């Protein structure tokens, strides 16, 4: 099995595999192009993101700068907006639903590392997919950790660090992020 498939399966893989390095470099080139576009270059931006992402719906906007590891592991639904400094370490699959709003300085991580310090220097990484439901709003400065699912219609308050799954229809805030109240 190739290292990319191991990575996507959440198995231990070598992040410095030559094919993975080439894929990351492709994403770096595309994000550099994207981040250097002029504000009025809407068509160019759309075309770059369509080349970069695994899937993206219609009616989307991501304010530069935007950065990711691969891009191809990001799947986004319809009507999506992300503000400045959106970072997605998409070594694993990142699935984002419809009608999602992302505030500035939000980071989504799927990559993680082994706890055993003897194995860490051997480039042994693994991933945990992140899923964000429909109609979700993620406040500024949030961090979404590997393996997290955020349910439909939920709001994640600014500055939150999401370390556990968040169910649908709640407002959750804090570090670590906890449910504050239900949304009726």
N, C-alpha and C. Protein backbone atom coordinates (compact mmCIF):
# COMPACT_ATOMS: atom_id res chain seq x y z
N UNK A 1 0.85 -1.18 0.00
CA UNK A 1 0.00 0.00 0.00
C UNK A 1 0.89 1.24 0.00
N UNK A 2 0.54 2.23 -0.81
CA UNK A 2 1.35 3.43 -0.91
C UNK A 2 1.15 4.31 0.34
N UNK A 3 2.10 5.21 0.56
CA UNK A 3 2.07 6.06 1.75
C UNK A 3 0.85 6.98 1.76
N UNK A 4 0.43 7.45 0.59
CA UNK A 4 -0.76 8.31 0.52
C UNK A 4 -1.99 7.56 1.01
N UNK A 5 -2.15 6.32 0.59
CA UNK A 5 -3.32 5.55 1.02
C UNK A 5 -3.26 5.27 2.52
N UNK A 6 -2.07 4.97 3.04
CA UNK A 6 -1.93 4.79 4.48
C UNK A 6 -2.33 6.06 5.21
N UNK A 7 -1.88 7.20 4.70
CA UNK A 7 -2.20 8.50 5.30
C UNK A 7 -3.71 8.71 5.34
N UNK A 8 -4.38 8.48 4.23
CA UNK A 8 -5.83 8.69 4.16
C UNK A 8 -6.61 7.68 4.99
N UNK A 9 -6.03 6.49 5.20
CA UNK A 9 -6.67 5.47 6.02
C UNK A 9 -6.47 5.69 7.51
N UNK A 10 -5.65 6.68 7.88
CA UNK A 10 -5.37 6.91 9.29
C UNK A 10 -4.34 5.96 9.86
N UNK A 11 -3.57 5.30 8.98
CA UNK A 11 -2.52 4.39 9.42
C UNK A 11 -1.20 5.15 9.52
N UNK A 12 -0.24 4.55 10.19
CA UNK A 12 1.08 5.18 10.29
C UNK A 12 1.70 5.22 8.89
N UNK A 13 2.21 6.40 8.53
CA UNK A 13 2.80 6.59 7.20
C UNK A 13 4.03 7.49 7.31
N UNK A 14 4.82 7.50 6.26
CA UNK A 14 6.01 8.34 6.18
C UNK A 14 5.65 9.62 5.44
N UNK A 15 5.59 10.73 6.17
CA UNK A 15 5.22 12.02 5.58
C UNK A 15 6.25 12.52 4.57
N UNK A 16 7.44 11.96 4.57
CA UNK A 16 8.49 12.41 3.66
C UNK A 16 8.64 11.50 2.44
N UNK A 17 7.64 10.66 2.21
CA UNK A 17 7.58 9.88 0.98
C UNK A 17 7.63 10.84 -0.21
N UNK A 18 8.39 10.48 -1.25
CA UNK A 18 8.62 11.40 -2.37
C UNK A 18 7.32 11.81 -3.05
N UNK A 19 6.35 10.91 -3.17
CA UNK A 19 5.08 11.25 -3.81
C UNK A 19 4.29 12.25 -2.96
N UNK A 20 4.33 12.08 -1.65
CA UNK A 20 3.63 13.01 -0.77
C UNK A 20 4.29 14.39 -0.79
N UNK A 21 5.60 14.41 -0.86
CA UNK A 21 6.32 15.70 -0.95
C UNK A 21 5.91 16.42 -2.24
N UNK A 22 5.82 15.70 -3.34
CA UNK A 22 5.40 16.31 -4.62
C UNK A 22 3.98 16.87 -4.53
N UNK A 23 3.09 16.13 -3.88
CA UNK A 23 1.71 16.60 -3.73
C UNK A 23 1.64 17.84 -2.84
N UNK A 24 2.42 17.87 -1.77
CA UNK A 24 2.46 19.06 -0.90
C UNK A 24 3.03 20.25 -1.65
N UNK A 25 4.06 20.02 -2.45
CA UNK A 25 4.64 21.11 -3.24
C UNK A 25 3.65 21.66 -4.25
N UNK A 26 2.86 20.80 -4.87
CA UNK A 26 1.82 21.25 -5.79
C UNK A 26 0.84 22.17 -5.06
N UNK A 27 0.42 21.76 -3.86
CA UNK A 27 -0.50 22.59 -3.06
C UNK A 27 0.16 23.91 -2.68
N UNK A 28 1.44 23.89 -2.36
CA UNK A 28 2.15 25.13 -2.00
C UNK A 28 2.16 26.11 -3.18
N UNK A 29 2.37 25.57 -4.38
CA UNK A 29 2.38 26.43 -5.58
C UNK A 29 0.99 27.03 -5.83
N UNK A 30 -0.04 26.21 -5.70
CA UNK A 30 -1.39 26.71 -5.94
C UNK A 30 -1.82 27.72 -4.87
N UNK A 31 -1.48 27.46 -3.61
CA UNK A 31 -1.85 28.43 -2.57
C UNK A 31 -1.05 29.72 -2.71
N UNK A 32 0.18 29.62 -3.17
CA UNK A 32 0.97 30.83 -3.41
C UNK A 32 0.31 31.67 -4.51
N UNK A 33 -0.10 31.00 -5.60
CA UNK A 33 -0.82 31.71 -6.67
C UNK A 33 -2.08 32.36 -6.13
N UNK A 34 -2.84 31.59 -5.36
CA UNK A 34 -4.09 32.09 -4.81
C UNK A 34 -3.86 33.30 -3.91
N UNK A 35 -2.90 33.18 -3.02
CA UNK A 35 -2.65 34.24 -2.05
C UNK A 35 -2.07 35.50 -2.68
N UNK A 36 -1.54 35.39 -3.89
CA UNK A 36 -0.98 36.54 -4.59
C UNK A 36 -1.92 37.14 -5.63
N UNK A 37 -3.16 36.66 -5.69
CA UNK A 37 -4.11 37.24 -6.63
C UNK A 37 -4.54 38.62 -6.15
N UNK A 38 -4.97 39.42 -7.09
CA UNK A 38 -5.52 40.74 -6.78
C UNK A 38 -6.96 40.56 -6.29
N UNK A 39 -7.46 41.47 -5.46
CA UNK A 39 -8.82 41.33 -4.92
C UNK A 39 -9.90 41.17 -5.99
N UNK A 40 -9.72 41.79 -7.14
CA UNK A 40 -10.74 41.71 -8.19
C UNK A 40 -10.61 40.46 -9.08
N UNK A 41 -9.60 39.63 -8.84
CA UNK A 41 -9.37 38.42 -9.65
C UNK A 41 -10.23 37.24 -9.17
N UNK A 42 -11.52 37.45 -9.07
CA UNK A 42 -12.44 36.45 -8.53
C UNK A 42 -12.42 35.17 -9.36
N UNK A 43 -12.47 35.30 -10.67
CA UNK A 43 -12.48 34.12 -11.54
C UNK A 43 -11.21 33.30 -11.38
N UNK A 44 -10.05 33.97 -11.31
CA UNK A 44 -8.79 33.25 -11.10
C UNK A 44 -8.80 32.51 -9.77
N UNK A 45 -9.29 33.16 -8.73
CA UNK A 45 -9.34 32.52 -7.41
C UNK A 45 -10.21 31.27 -7.43
N UNK A 46 -11.37 31.38 -8.04
CA UNK A 46 -12.28 30.24 -8.13
C UNK A 46 -11.61 29.08 -8.86
N UNK A 47 -10.97 29.38 -9.98
CA UNK A 47 -10.31 28.32 -10.77
C UNK A 47 -9.17 27.67 -10.01
N UNK A 48 -8.41 28.44 -9.25
CA UNK A 48 -7.30 27.88 -8.47
C UNK A 48 -7.85 26.94 -7.41
N UNK A 49 -8.89 27.37 -6.69
CA UNK A 49 -9.45 26.51 -5.63
C UNK A 49 -10.07 25.25 -6.20
N UNK A 50 -10.67 25.34 -7.39
CA UNK A 50 -11.22 24.15 -8.02
C UNK A 50 -10.13 23.15 -8.39
N UNK A 51 -8.94 23.64 -8.73
CA UNK A 51 -7.79 22.75 -9.00
C UNK A 51 -7.22 22.18 -7.71
N UNK A 52 -7.28 22.96 -6.65
CA UNK A 52 -6.66 22.59 -5.39
C UNK A 52 -7.48 21.58 -4.58
N UNK A 53 -8.78 21.84 -4.42
CA UNK A 53 -9.61 21.04 -3.52
C UNK A 53 -10.08 19.74 -4.15
N UNK A 54 -10.32 18.75 -3.31
CA UNK A 54 -10.90 17.50 -3.77
C UNK A 54 -12.32 17.71 -4.27
N UNK A 55 -13.07 18.57 -3.56
CA UNK A 55 -14.45 18.90 -3.96
C UNK A 55 -14.79 20.25 -3.35
N UNK A 56 -15.45 21.08 -4.13
CA UNK A 56 -15.97 22.34 -3.61
C UNK A 56 -17.26 22.66 -4.35
N UNK A 57 -18.26 23.07 -3.58
CA UNK A 57 -19.56 23.40 -4.15
C UNK A 57 -19.53 24.75 -4.84
N UNK A 58 -20.71 25.23 -5.16
CA UNK A 58 -20.85 26.55 -5.77
C UNK A 58 -20.97 27.60 -4.67
N UNK A 59 -20.74 28.84 -5.04
CA UNK A 59 -20.92 29.97 -4.14
C UNK A 59 -19.99 29.86 -2.93
N UNK A 60 -18.71 30.04 -3.16
CA UNK A 60 -17.74 29.96 -2.07
C UNK A 60 -16.77 31.13 -2.17
N UNK A 61 -16.20 31.47 -1.03
CA UNK A 61 -15.17 32.50 -0.98
C UNK A 61 -14.24 32.20 0.18
N UNK A 62 -12.96 32.30 -0.08
CA UNK A 62 -11.93 32.17 0.95
C UNK A 62 -11.02 33.37 0.81
N UNK A 63 -10.96 34.17 1.86
CA UNK A 63 -10.11 35.36 1.83
C UNK A 63 -8.65 34.94 1.97
N UNK A 64 -7.77 35.45 1.11
CA UNK A 64 -6.35 35.17 1.29
C UNK A 64 -5.82 35.89 2.53
N UNK A 65 -4.83 35.39 3.21
CA UNK A 65 -4.12 34.17 2.84
C UNK A 65 -4.82 32.90 3.34
N UNK A 66 -4.68 31.87 2.54
CA UNK A 66 -5.18 30.54 2.84
C UNK A 66 -4.02 29.57 2.65
N UNK A 67 -3.90 28.60 3.55
CA UNK A 67 -2.85 27.60 3.42
C UNK A 67 -3.38 26.22 3.77
N UNK A 68 -2.81 25.21 3.11
CA UNK A 68 -3.17 23.82 3.38
C UNK A 68 -1.98 22.93 3.04
N UNK A 69 -2.07 21.66 3.45
CA UNK A 69 -1.00 20.72 3.13
C UNK A 69 -1.16 20.12 1.73
N UNK A 70 -2.36 19.65 1.40
CA UNK A 70 -2.57 18.97 0.13
C UNK A 70 -3.70 19.58 -0.70
N UNK A 71 -4.73 20.05 -0.05
CA UNK A 71 -5.88 20.60 -0.76
C UNK A 71 -6.82 19.53 -1.28
N UNK A 72 -6.27 18.50 -1.88
CA UNK A 72 -7.08 17.44 -2.48
C UNK A 72 -7.87 16.65 -1.45
N UNK A 73 -7.51 16.77 -0.18
CA UNK A 73 -8.22 16.05 0.88
C UNK A 73 -9.28 16.92 1.55
N UNK A 74 -9.55 18.08 0.96
CA UNK A 74 -10.57 19.00 1.48
C UNK A 74 -11.80 18.91 0.59
N UNK A 75 -12.94 18.62 1.21
CA UNK A 75 -14.21 18.52 0.49
C UNK A 75 -15.19 19.48 1.15
N UNK A 76 -15.66 20.46 0.38
CA UNK A 76 -16.51 21.52 0.91
C UNK A 76 -17.82 21.56 0.13
N UNK A 77 -18.92 21.73 0.85
CA UNK A 77 -20.24 21.79 0.25
C UNK A 77 -20.57 23.15 -0.34
N UNK A 78 -21.86 23.41 -0.48
CA UNK A 78 -22.36 24.64 -1.10
C UNK A 78 -22.32 25.81 -0.12
N UNK A 79 -22.16 27.00 -0.66
CA UNK A 79 -22.23 28.26 0.08
C UNK A 79 -21.31 28.24 1.30
N UNK A 80 -20.04 28.51 1.03
CA UNK A 80 -18.99 28.46 2.06
C UNK A 80 -18.24 29.77 2.08
N UNK A 81 -17.93 30.25 3.28
CA UNK A 81 -17.11 31.45 3.42
C UNK A 81 -16.08 31.23 4.52
N UNK A 82 -14.82 31.54 4.20
CA UNK A 82 -13.74 31.53 5.20
C UNK A 82 -13.03 32.87 5.13
N UNK A 83 -12.83 33.47 6.29
CA UNK A 83 -12.17 34.76 6.38
C UNK A 83 -10.65 34.57 6.36
N UNK A 84 -9.90 35.64 6.59
CA UNK A 84 -8.44 35.65 6.47
C UNK A 84 -7.76 34.61 7.36
N UNK A 85 -6.63 34.11 6.87
CA UNK A 85 -5.75 33.21 7.63
C UNK A 85 -6.40 31.88 7.98
N UNK A 86 -7.07 31.28 7.02
CA UNK A 86 -7.65 29.95 7.19
C UNK A 86 -6.56 28.94 6.89
N UNK A 87 -6.30 28.03 7.84
CA UNK A 87 -5.25 27.02 7.71
C UNK A 87 -5.87 25.64 7.87
N UNK A 88 -5.61 24.75 6.90
CA UNK A 88 -6.12 23.39 6.96
C UNK A 88 -4.97 22.42 6.71
N UNK A 89 -4.60 21.69 7.75
CA UNK A 89 -3.60 20.62 7.58
C UNK A 89 -4.37 19.36 7.22
N UNK A 90 -4.60 19.20 5.93
CA UNK A 90 -5.47 18.15 5.41
C UNK A 90 -4.70 16.90 5.01
N UNK A 91 -3.85 16.42 5.89
CA UNK A 91 -3.20 15.14 5.63
C UNK A 91 -4.26 14.04 5.61
N UNK A 92 -5.26 14.16 6.48
CA UNK A 92 -6.44 13.31 6.46
C UNK A 92 -7.58 14.07 5.81
N UNK A 93 -8.69 13.39 5.63
CA UNK A 93 -9.85 13.99 4.97
C UNK A 93 -10.49 15.06 5.85
N UNK A 94 -10.81 16.20 5.25
CA UNK A 94 -11.56 17.27 5.90
C UNK A 94 -12.84 17.45 5.08
N UNK A 95 -13.98 17.19 5.72
CA UNK A 95 -15.27 17.32 5.06
C UNK A 95 -16.04 18.44 5.74
N UNK A 96 -16.45 19.43 4.95
CA UNK A 96 -17.17 20.59 5.47
C UNK A 96 -18.49 20.67 4.70
N UNK A 97 -19.59 20.80 5.44
CA UNK A 97 -20.92 20.78 4.84
C UNK A 97 -21.30 22.07 4.15
N UNK A 98 -22.60 22.23 3.94
CA UNK A 98 -23.17 23.40 3.27
C UNK A 98 -23.38 24.54 4.27
N UNK A 99 -23.33 25.77 3.74
CA UNK A 99 -23.65 26.97 4.52
C UNK A 99 -22.79 27.10 5.78
N UNK A 100 -21.50 26.97 5.59
CA UNK A 100 -20.55 27.06 6.72
C UNK A 100 -19.82 28.38 6.66
N UNK A 101 -19.68 29.01 7.82
CA UNK A 101 -18.95 30.27 7.96
C UNK A 101 -17.75 30.04 8.86
N UNK A 102 -16.58 30.48 8.40
CA UNK A 102 -15.34 30.36 9.15
C UNK A 102 -14.79 31.76 9.36
N UNK A 103 -14.59 32.16 10.61
CA UNK A 103 -14.06 33.49 10.95
C UNK A 103 -12.53 33.52 10.73
N UNK A 104 -11.89 34.66 10.93
CA UNK A 104 -10.44 34.75 10.73
C UNK A 104 -9.64 33.87 11.68
N UNK A 105 -8.47 33.47 11.21
CA UNK A 105 -7.47 32.76 12.03
C UNK A 105 -7.94 31.43 12.57
N UNK A 106 -8.70 30.69 11.77
CA UNK A 106 -9.15 29.36 12.17
C UNK A 106 -8.20 28.32 11.58
N UNK A 107 -7.89 27.31 12.40
CA UNK A 107 -7.01 26.22 11.98
C UNK A 107 -7.71 24.88 12.17
N UNK A 108 -7.61 24.04 11.16
CA UNK A 108 -8.13 22.67 11.22
C UNK A 108 -6.96 21.73 11.01
N UNK A 109 -6.79 20.80 11.96
CA UNK A 109 -5.66 19.86 11.91
C UNK A 109 -6.18 18.42 11.79
N UNK A 110 -5.64 17.66 10.86
CA UNK A 110 -5.90 16.22 10.81
C UNK A 110 -4.65 15.42 11.13
N UNK A 111 -3.49 16.04 10.98
CA UNK A 111 -2.22 15.35 11.20
C UNK A 111 -1.94 15.24 12.69
N UNK A 112 -1.44 14.10 13.09
CA UNK A 112 -1.03 13.91 14.48
C UNK A 112 0.22 13.04 14.49
N UNK A 113 0.78 12.90 15.67
CA UNK A 113 2.06 12.18 15.79
C UNK A 113 1.98 11.15 16.90
N UNK A 114 2.86 10.21 16.83
CA UNK A 114 2.90 9.15 17.83
C UNK A 114 3.35 9.70 19.18
N UNK A 115 2.81 9.15 20.24
CA UNK A 115 3.19 9.57 21.58
C UNK A 115 4.57 9.04 21.98
N UNK A 116 4.92 7.87 21.48
CA UNK A 116 6.19 7.24 21.83
C UNK A 116 7.34 8.05 21.22
N UNK A 117 8.18 8.68 22.04
CA UNK A 117 9.26 9.52 21.51
C UNK A 117 10.29 8.75 20.70
N UNK A 118 10.38 7.44 20.88
CA UNK A 118 11.34 6.64 20.10
C UNK A 118 10.89 6.50 18.65
N UNK A 119 9.59 6.57 18.42
CA UNK A 119 9.08 6.40 17.06
C UNK A 119 8.92 7.73 16.33
N UNK A 120 8.72 8.82 17.04
CA UNK A 120 8.48 10.13 16.42
C UNK A 120 9.58 10.56 15.45
N UNK A 121 10.86 10.42 15.78
CA UNK A 121 11.89 10.88 14.83
C UNK A 121 11.96 10.08 13.53
N UNK A 122 11.24 8.96 13.44
CA UNK A 122 11.29 8.13 12.25
C UNK A 122 10.25 8.55 11.21
N UNK A 123 9.74 9.78 11.33
CA UNK A 123 8.76 10.31 10.38
C UNK A 123 7.47 9.49 10.36
N UNK A 124 7.15 8.89 11.48
CA UNK A 124 5.94 8.08 11.57
C UNK A 124 4.79 8.95 12.03
N UNK A 125 3.91 9.32 11.12
CA UNK A 125 2.76 10.16 11.41
C UNK A 125 1.49 9.34 11.15
N UNK A 126 0.36 9.87 11.59
CA UNK A 126 -0.93 9.32 11.21
C UNK A 126 -1.96 10.44 11.25
N UNK A 127 -3.15 10.17 10.74
CA UNK A 127 -4.17 11.22 10.62
C UNK A 127 -5.49 10.77 11.22
N UNK A 128 -6.30 11.77 11.53
CA UNK A 128 -7.68 11.53 11.95
C UNK A 128 -8.54 12.56 11.22
N UNK A 129 -9.53 12.08 10.50
CA UNK A 129 -10.38 12.94 9.68
C UNK A 129 -11.16 13.93 10.54
N UNK A 130 -11.50 15.08 9.95
CA UNK A 130 -12.33 16.11 10.59
C UNK A 130 -13.58 16.29 9.74
N UNK A 131 -14.74 16.35 10.42
CA UNK A 131 -16.01 16.56 9.74
C UNK A 131 -16.75 17.72 10.39
N UNK A 132 -17.15 18.67 9.56
CA UNK A 132 -17.93 19.82 10.01
C UNK A 132 -19.26 19.77 9.27
N UNK A 133 -20.36 19.78 10.02
CA UNK A 133 -21.68 19.63 9.43
C UNK A 133 -22.17 20.86 8.69
N UNK A 134 -23.46 20.86 8.37
CA UNK A 134 -24.11 21.96 7.66
C UNK A 134 -24.47 23.08 8.62
N UNK A 135 -24.48 24.31 8.10
CA UNK A 135 -24.94 25.48 8.86
C UNK A 135 -24.13 25.72 10.13
N UNK A 136 -22.84 25.48 10.06
CA UNK A 136 -21.95 25.66 11.22
C UNK A 136 -21.24 27.00 11.09
N UNK A 137 -21.06 27.66 12.22
CA UNK A 137 -20.30 28.91 12.30
C UNK A 137 -19.16 28.68 13.27
N UNK A 138 -17.94 28.90 12.81
CA UNK A 138 -16.75 28.73 13.65
C UNK A 138 -16.14 30.11 13.86
N UNK A 139 -16.07 30.54 15.12
CA UNK A 139 -15.59 31.87 15.47
C UNK A 139 -14.09 32.02 15.29
N UNK A 140 -13.65 33.27 15.34
CA UNK A 140 -12.25 33.62 15.11
C UNK A 140 -11.28 32.95 16.07
N UNK A 141 -10.15 32.56 15.52
CA UNK A 141 -9.06 32.01 16.32
C UNK A 141 -9.28 30.61 16.84
N UNK A 142 -10.25 29.88 16.31
CA UNK A 142 -10.51 28.52 16.79
C UNK A 142 -9.50 27.53 16.22
N UNK A 143 -9.28 26.49 17.00
CA UNK A 143 -8.46 25.36 16.57
C UNK A 143 -9.33 24.12 16.64
N UNK A 144 -9.41 23.40 15.52
CA UNK A 144 -10.15 22.15 15.44
C UNK A 144 -9.11 21.04 15.36
N UNK A 145 -9.03 20.21 16.38
CA UNK A 145 -8.02 19.16 16.46
C UNK A 145 -8.37 17.93 15.63
N UNK A 146 -7.40 17.03 15.41
CA UNK A 146 -7.64 15.83 14.61
C UNK A 146 -8.76 14.96 15.17
N UNK A 147 -9.56 14.40 14.26
CA UNK A 147 -10.58 13.44 14.62
C UNK A 147 -11.90 14.03 15.08
N UNK A 148 -12.06 15.33 14.97
CA UNK A 148 -13.24 16.01 15.50
C UNK A 148 -14.39 16.00 14.50
N UNK A 149 -15.61 15.86 15.03
CA UNK A 149 -16.83 16.06 14.27
C UNK A 149 -17.62 17.16 14.96
N UNK A 150 -18.07 18.13 14.17
CA UNK A 150 -18.93 19.21 14.67
C UNK A 150 -20.27 19.04 13.97
N UNK A 151 -21.34 18.89 14.76
CA UNK A 151 -22.67 18.63 14.23
C UNK A 151 -23.32 19.82 13.56
N UNK A 152 -24.36 19.54 12.79
CA UNK A 152 -25.12 20.56 12.06
C UNK A 152 -25.61 21.66 12.99
N UNK A 153 -25.64 22.88 12.45
CA UNK A 153 -26.24 24.05 13.09
C UNK A 153 -25.51 24.54 14.34
N UNK A 154 -24.36 24.02 14.64
CA UNK A 154 -23.65 24.42 15.85
C UNK A 154 -22.79 25.65 15.62
N UNK A 155 -22.49 26.35 16.72
CA UNK A 155 -21.64 27.53 16.72
C UNK A 155 -20.48 27.24 17.67
N UNK A 156 -19.26 27.48 17.19
CA UNK A 156 -18.07 27.34 18.02
C UNK A 156 -17.57 28.75 18.31
N UNK A 157 -17.55 29.14 19.60
CA UNK A 157 -17.17 30.48 19.99
C UNK A 157 -15.72 30.80 19.72
N UNK A 158 -15.44 32.07 19.52
CA UNK A 158 -14.08 32.54 19.23
C UNK A 158 -13.07 32.05 20.25
N UNK A 159 -11.89 31.69 19.75
CA UNK A 159 -10.79 31.28 20.61
C UNK A 159 -10.89 29.87 21.14
N UNK A 160 -11.89 29.12 20.74
CA UNK A 160 -12.08 27.77 21.25
C UNK A 160 -11.04 26.80 20.69
N UNK A 161 -10.70 25.82 21.51
CA UNK A 161 -9.86 24.70 21.08
C UNK A 161 -10.72 23.45 21.20
N UNK A 162 -11.11 22.91 20.04
CA UNK A 162 -12.04 21.79 20.00
C UNK A 162 -11.24 20.50 20.10
N UNK A 163 -11.39 19.82 21.24
CA UNK A 163 -10.65 18.59 21.51
C UNK A 163 -11.55 17.36 21.55
N UNK A 164 -12.89 17.58 21.55
CA UNK A 164 -13.86 16.48 21.55
C UNK A 164 -14.99 16.85 20.60
N UNK A 165 -15.67 15.83 20.10
CA UNK A 165 -16.79 16.05 19.18
C UNK A 165 -17.82 17.00 19.80
N UNK A 166 -18.43 17.81 18.94
CA UNK A 166 -19.48 18.74 19.34
C UNK A 166 -20.76 18.30 18.63
N UNK A 167 -21.84 18.07 19.37
CA UNK A 167 -23.08 17.61 18.73
C UNK A 167 -23.76 18.71 17.93
N UNK A 168 -24.83 18.36 17.27
CA UNK A 168 -25.62 19.32 16.50
C UNK A 168 -26.38 20.27 17.43
N UNK A 169 -26.66 21.47 16.91
CA UNK A 169 -27.57 22.42 17.55
C UNK A 169 -27.12 22.90 18.92
N UNK A 170 -25.84 23.23 19.04
CA UNK A 170 -25.33 23.78 20.31
C UNK A 170 -24.40 24.95 20.04
N UNK A 171 -24.22 25.76 21.09
CA UNK A 171 -23.16 26.76 21.13
C UNK A 171 -22.11 26.19 22.07
N UNK A 172 -20.88 26.10 21.60
CA UNK A 172 -19.79 25.55 22.41
C UNK A 172 -18.62 26.53 22.38
N UNK A 173 -17.98 26.71 23.52
CA UNK A 173 -16.88 27.67 23.64
C UNK A 173 -15.83 27.17 24.61
N UNK A 174 -14.65 27.75 24.51
CA UNK A 174 -13.62 27.55 25.52
C UNK A 174 -12.45 26.70 25.10
N UNK A 175 -11.53 26.57 26.05
CA UNK A 175 -10.33 25.76 25.88
C UNK A 175 -10.16 24.92 27.14
N UNK A 176 -10.56 23.65 27.07
CA UNK A 176 -11.14 22.95 25.91
C UNK A 176 -12.59 23.37 25.67
N UNK A 177 -13.02 23.24 24.42
CA UNK A 177 -14.35 23.66 24.00
C UNK A 177 -15.41 22.79 24.69
N UNK A 178 -16.40 23.45 25.31
CA UNK A 178 -17.49 22.75 25.99
C UNK A 178 -18.82 23.38 25.59
N UNK A 179 -19.86 22.60 25.67
CA UNK A 179 -21.19 23.08 25.30
C UNK A 179 -21.64 24.13 26.31
N UNK A 180 -22.05 25.28 25.79
CA UNK A 180 -22.57 26.36 26.62
C UNK A 180 -24.08 26.31 26.71
N UNK A 181 -24.73 26.07 25.53
CA UNK A 181 -26.19 25.98 25.52
C UNK A 181 -26.64 25.31 24.24
N UNK A 182 -27.89 24.85 24.25
CA UNK A 182 -28.52 24.27 23.06
C UNK A 182 -29.14 25.39 22.24
N UNK A 183 -29.19 25.19 20.94
CA UNK A 183 -29.87 26.11 20.03
C UNK A 183 -31.24 25.50 19.72
N UNK A 184 -32.29 26.26 20.03
CA UNK A 184 -33.66 25.76 19.79
C UNK A 184 -34.05 25.96 18.35
